[in-house]
Protein backbone atom coordinates (compact mmCIF):
# COMPACT_ATOMS: atom_id res chain seq x y z
CA UNK A 1 -11.28 -31.32 -17.39
CA UNK A 2 -8.40 -29.48 -18.18
CA UNK A 3 -8.87 -25.58 -17.10
CA UNK A 4 -6.21 -23.25 -18.00
CA UNK A 5 -6.07 -19.86 -16.10
CA UNK A 6 -4.36 -16.91 -17.49
CA UNK A 7 -3.10 -14.65 -14.83
CA UNK A 8 -3.11 -11.48 -15.70
CA UNK A 9 -3.01 -7.47 -14.34
CA UNK A 10 -2.23 -3.93 -15.48
CA UNK A 11 0.00 -2.88 -12.88
CA UNK A 12 3.59 -4.25 -13.53
CA UNK A 13 5.70 -2.86 -11.47
CA UNK A 14 8.62 -2.68 -14.95
CA UNK A 15 6.27 -2.08 -17.97
CA UNK A 16 2.83 -1.08 -16.92
CA UNK A 17 -0.01 -2.02 -18.89
CA UNK A 18 2.07 -4.99 -20.70
CA UNK A 19 -0.60 -7.03 -21.38
CA UNK A 20 -3.04 -5.22 -23.51
CA UNK A 21 0.42 -3.44 -25.53
CA UNK A 22 -0.19 -4.22 -29.33
CA UNK A 23 1.44 -7.01 -31.14
CA UNK A 24 0.47 -6.90 -34.92
CA UNK A 25 -2.51 -4.80 -34.30
CA UNK A 26 -3.99 -6.67 -31.23
CA UNK A 27 -3.07 -6.99 -27.47
CA UNK A 28 -0.70 -8.92 -26.16
CA UNK A 29 -3.19 -11.14 -24.20
CA UNK A 30 -5.21 -11.69 -27.09
CA UNK A 31 -2.53 -12.63 -29.24
CA UNK A 32 -1.50 -15.42 -26.41
CA UNK A 33 -4.71 -16.57 -26.21
CA UNK A 34 -5.11 -17.47 -29.90
CA UNK A 35 -2.11 -19.66 -29.28
CA UNK A 36 -3.66 -21.22 -26.31
CA UNK A 37 -6.72 -22.09 -28.29
CA UNK A 38 -4.50 -24.35 -30.65
CA UNK A 39 -3.61 -26.59 -27.37
CA UNK A 40 -4.95 -30.00 -28.22
CA UNK A 41 -5.44 -30.85 -24.54
CA UNK A 42 -6.77 -27.31 -23.09
CA UNK A 43 -10.41 -27.61 -22.47
CA UNK A 44 -11.39 -24.41 -21.28
CA UNK A 45 -9.15 -20.79 -20.60
CA UNK A 46 -10.38 -18.36 -17.85
CA UNK A 47 -8.42 -15.23 -17.32
CA UNK A 48 -7.70 -14.39 -13.41
CA UNK A 49 -7.43 -10.73 -13.20
CA UNK A 50 -7.86 -8.41 -10.01
CA UNK A 51 -10.89 -6.35 -8.97
CA UNK A 52 -9.31 -3.12 -9.09
CA UNK A 53 -10.36 -0.74 -11.61
CA UNK A 54 -7.42 -0.65 -13.74
CA UNK A 55 -8.01 -4.19 -14.63
CA UNK A 56 -11.22 -3.52 -15.82
CA UNK A 57 -9.37 -2.60 -19.72
CA UNK A 58 -8.26 -6.57 -19.08
CA UNK A 59 -11.84 -8.04 -18.73
CA UNK A 60 -13.00 -5.93 -21.73
CA UNK A 61 -10.08 -6.80 -23.89
CA UNK A 62 -10.70 -10.89 -22.90
CA UNK A 63 -14.58 -10.71 -22.85
CA UNK A 64 -14.65 -9.58 -26.53
CA UNK A 65 -12.72 -12.73 -27.35
CA UNK A 66 -15.46 -14.96 -25.56
CA UNK A 67 -12.82 -15.74 -22.65
CA UNK A 68 -14.25 -15.76 -19.06
CA UNK A 69 -12.77 -13.89 -16.52
CA UNK A 70 -12.49 -14.48 -12.82
CA UNK A 71 -11.95 -11.30 -10.83
CA UNK A 72 -10.03 -11.38 -6.96
CA UNK A 73 -7.36 -9.99 -4.95
CA UNK A 74 -4.61 -7.78 -6.61
CA UNK A 75 -2.04 -9.40 -4.45
CA UNK A 76 -3.23 -12.98 -3.22
CA UNK A 77 -2.76 -14.37 -6.99
CA UNK A 78 -3.61 -17.65 -5.51
CA UNK A 79 -6.85 -16.75 -4.14
CA UNK A 80 -7.66 -15.77 -7.38
CA UNK A 81 -6.99 -19.19 -9.02
CA UNK A 82 -8.69 -20.44 -6.37
CA UNK A 83 -11.68 -18.43 -6.82
CA UNK A 84 -11.43 -19.46 -10.63
CA UNK A 85 -11.46 -23.07 -10.17
CA UNK A 86 -14.33 -22.80 -7.93
CA UNK A 87 -16.17 -20.87 -10.85
CA UNK A 88 -15.27 -23.24 -13.15
CA UNK A 89 -14.54 -26.79 -11.38
CA UNK A 90 -11.95 -29.12 -13.19
CA UNK A 91 -9.76 -31.98 -12.08
CA UNK A 92 -6.65 -30.50 -13.23
CA UNK A 93 -5.58 -26.73 -13.75
CA UNK A 94 -3.08 -25.54 -15.62
CA UNK A 95 -1.07 -22.18 -14.78
CA UNK A 96 0.12 -19.51 -17.35
CA UNK A 97 0.84 -16.12 -17.21
CA UNK A 98 0.02 -12.98 -19.53
CA UNK A 99 3.37 -11.83 -20.21
CA UNK A 100 4.33 -14.75 -22.55
CA UNK A 101 3.19 -14.59 -26.11
CA UNK A 102 4.88 -16.97 -27.79
CA UNK A 103 3.37 -19.50 -25.32
CA UNK A 104 3.92 -22.78 -27.27
CA UNK A 105 0.71 -25.09 -27.66
CA UNK A 106 2.86 -28.54 -28.22
CA UNK A 107 4.85 -27.52 -25.27
CA UNK A 108 1.89 -27.17 -23.09
CA UNK A 109 0.34 -30.18 -24.60
CA UNK A 110 3.38 -32.17 -23.69
CA UNK A 111 3.49 -30.97 -20.36
CA UNK A 112 -0.10 -31.86 -19.38
CA UNK A 113 0.41 -35.41 -21.33
CA UNK A 114 3.34 -35.74 -18.81
CA UNK A 115 1.50 -34.68 -15.70
CA UNK A 116 -1.45 -36.96 -16.76
CA UNK A 117 0.54 -40.24 -17.53
CA UNK A 118 3.03 -39.67 -14.23
CA UNK A 119 0.45 -39.43 -11.75
CA UNK A 120 2.10 -36.49 -10.13
CA UNK A 121 0.41 -33.72 -8.05
CA UNK A 122 2.18 -31.24 -10.16
CA UNK A 123 4.48 -31.15 -13.44
CA UNK A 124 6.00 -28.05 -15.30
CA UNK A 125 8.47 -27.36 -17.75
CA UNK A 126 11.05 -25.43 -15.42
CA UNK A 127 12.81 -27.62 -13.42
CA UNK A 128 15.80 -26.99 -11.38
CA UNK A 129 17.94 -26.80 -14.70
CA UNK A 130 15.44 -25.46 -16.93
CA UNK A 131 16.19 -26.51 -20.96
CA UNK A 132 13.01 -24.34 -22.25
CA UNK A 133 13.20 -20.43 -23.27
CA UNK A 134 11.40 -18.10 -20.59
CA UNK A 135 8.41 -17.16 -21.96
CA UNK A 136 6.89 -20.65 -22.56
CA UNK A 137 6.57 -21.61 -19.23
CA UNK A 138 3.86 -24.13 -18.08
CA UNK A 139 2.69 -25.54 -14.81
CA UNK A 140 0.21 -27.95 -14.54
CA UNK A 141 -1.83 -29.12 -11.22
CA UNK A 142 -4.64 -31.51 -9.79
CA UNK A 143 -7.25 -29.10 -8.40
CA UNK A 144 -6.61 -31.23 -5.23
CA UNK A 145 -2.98 -29.97 -5.08
CA UNK A 146 -3.89 -26.29 -5.89
CA UNK A 147 -6.69 -26.61 -3.25
CA UNK A 148 -4.04 -27.86 -0.55
CA UNK A 149 -1.27 -25.37 -1.59
CA UNK A 150 -4.73 -22.63 -0.17
CA UNK A 151 -4.38 -24.42 2.76
CA UNK A 152 -1.15 -24.42 3.90
CA UNK A 153 -0.27 -20.95 2.12
CA UNK A 154 1.28 -18.85 4.93
CA UNK A 155 3.57 -16.28 3.70
CA UNK A 156 3.05 -13.55 1.37
CA UNK A 157 5.13 -15.43 -1.69
CA UNK A 158 2.92 -18.43 -1.64
CA UNK A 159 -0.13 -15.60 -1.95
CA UNK A 160 1.52 -13.94 -4.67
CA UNK A 161 3.35 -16.60 -6.78
CA UNK A 162 0.62 -19.77 -6.49
CA UNK A 163 2.63 -22.29 -6.67
CA UNK A 164 5.39 -21.54 -4.29
CA UNK A 165 4.41 -23.55 -1.34
CA UNK A 166 4.80 -26.69 -3.50
CA UNK A 167 7.95 -25.71 -4.50
CA UNK A 168 9.33 -25.28 -1.32
CA UNK A 169 7.61 -28.53 0.14
CA UNK A 170 9.01 -30.99 -2.27
CA UNK A 171 8.58 -33.67 0.32
CA UNK A 172 4.55 -33.21 0.19
CA UNK A 173 4.22 -33.39 -3.39
CA UNK A 174 4.91 -35.87 -6.38
CA UNK A 175 6.78 -33.40 -8.64
CA UNK A 176 7.52 -34.30 -12.36
CA UNK A 177 9.44 -32.22 -14.77
CA UNK A 178 9.47 -31.69 -18.73
CA UNK A 179 12.51 -31.19 -20.31
CA UNK A 180 14.24 -30.79 -23.83
CA UNK A 181 16.98 -32.08 -25.64
CA UNK A 182 18.47 -28.33 -26.44
CA UNK A 183 19.34 -26.62 -23.18
CA UNK A 184 17.96 -22.92 -23.97
CA UNK A 185 17.32 -22.12 -20.51
CA UNK A 186 18.46 -18.60 -20.80
CA UNK A 187 17.07 -17.85 -23.98
CA UNK A 188 14.67 -15.06 -23.02
CA UNK A 189 10.80 -14.61 -24.99
CA UNK A 190 9.06 -13.49 -22.03
CA UNK A 191 7.80 -9.67 -21.62
CA UNK A 192 8.92 -8.16 -18.89
CA UNK A 193 10.52 -5.00 -20.16
CA UNK A 194 10.51 -2.42 -22.64
CA UNK A 195 13.15 -3.98 -25.03
CA UNK A 196 11.22 -7.52 -24.50
CA UNK A 197 8.29 -6.03 -25.93
CA UNK A 198 10.48 -4.24 -28.85
CA UNK A 199 11.94 -7.62 -29.36
CA UNK A 200 8.04 -9.46 -29.10
CA UNK A 201 6.74 -7.05 -31.86
CA UNK A 202 9.92 -7.47 -34.10
CA UNK A 203 8.86 -11.06 -34.25
CA UNK A 204 5.28 -10.61 -34.65
CA UNK A 205 5.87 -8.01 -37.35
CA UNK A 206 7.87 -10.45 -39.45
CA UNK A 207 6.47 -13.64 -38.99
CA UNK A 208 2.49 -13.04 -38.13
CA UNK A 209 1.25 -11.58 -41.26
CA UNK A 210 2.52 -14.57 -42.89
CA UNK A 211 1.40 -17.42 -40.83
CA UNK A 212 -0.80 -16.28 -37.53
CA UNK A 213 -0.11 -20.16 -36.32
CA UNK A 214 3.96 -19.27 -36.63
CA UNK A 215 5.40 -22.13 -33.48
CA UNK A 216 8.77 -22.18 -31.68
CA UNK A 217 10.45 -23.37 -34.79
CA UNK A 218 9.58 -20.37 -36.78
CA UNK A 219 10.79 -17.92 -34.25
CA UNK A 220 14.16 -20.03 -33.97
CA UNK A 221 14.44 -20.17 -38.15
CA UNK A 222 13.56 -16.46 -38.51
CA UNK A 223 16.43 -15.86 -35.60
CA UNK A 224 18.69 -17.33 -37.12
CA UNK A 225 18.61 -14.63 -40.00
CA UNK A 226 18.34 -11.38 -37.60
CA UNK A 227 21.52 -11.28 -35.96
CA UNK A 228 20.38 -7.54 -34.25
CA UNK A 229 17.99 -9.68 -32.80
CA UNK A 230 19.53 -12.70 -31.71
CA UNK A 231 21.01 -10.67 -28.49
CA UNK A 232 18.59 -7.90 -28.35
CA UNK A 233 18.58 -5.86 -25.12
CA UNK A 234 21.53 -7.74 -23.95
CA UNK A 235 19.90 -11.13 -23.23
CA UNK A 236 20.41 -14.25 -25.69
CA UNK A 237 17.18 -14.55 -27.73
CA UNK A 238 18.64 -17.88 -29.54
């Protein structure tokens, strides 16, 4: 059983409420879940949000899509993940964040496949020298590794960032990393700022009506013909 946990909150400091901002007529988190459902390796998706009243809207939007929701402490995301795992037992956990509306199911599946075949505690496509665009991030770990991270966590960073304790204790974990041939580590497809959202909305408006299942290759192809979007907001987008 492979459980994907998508962390989400309304109280983003740079772009509050971003996970429910519309992309091609639906909340961003809904668009991301549509993409996650195309994964061939993920067995179940759970959204982990906080118990704060501001996040009631996330639960309402997600529940309408038939996706389970687990709620826990706002500032202890690790506790949220552990609670979601306890409520939905699985052997492996995929960590995703709800500010990545271009999440690529193929990249997710390839990272999961590497994790399973390598037999490590943790796998990701964000090694020290990342090659995938920011916004295609995926982390995969065994359920035991996540539980161990909860046991050893002794800092605010570990509780907020979930896998911080794994990254900072590489001698205690078997880590493997998934990379691609192209070096796109500086490409920015995540949504943290207003210009990120404007970029994402422009891509969705152009591609989603023609093909709701558009992939990363379609994004690259579209951007090659859009010079005004290639460095939108001052960041590399292609």
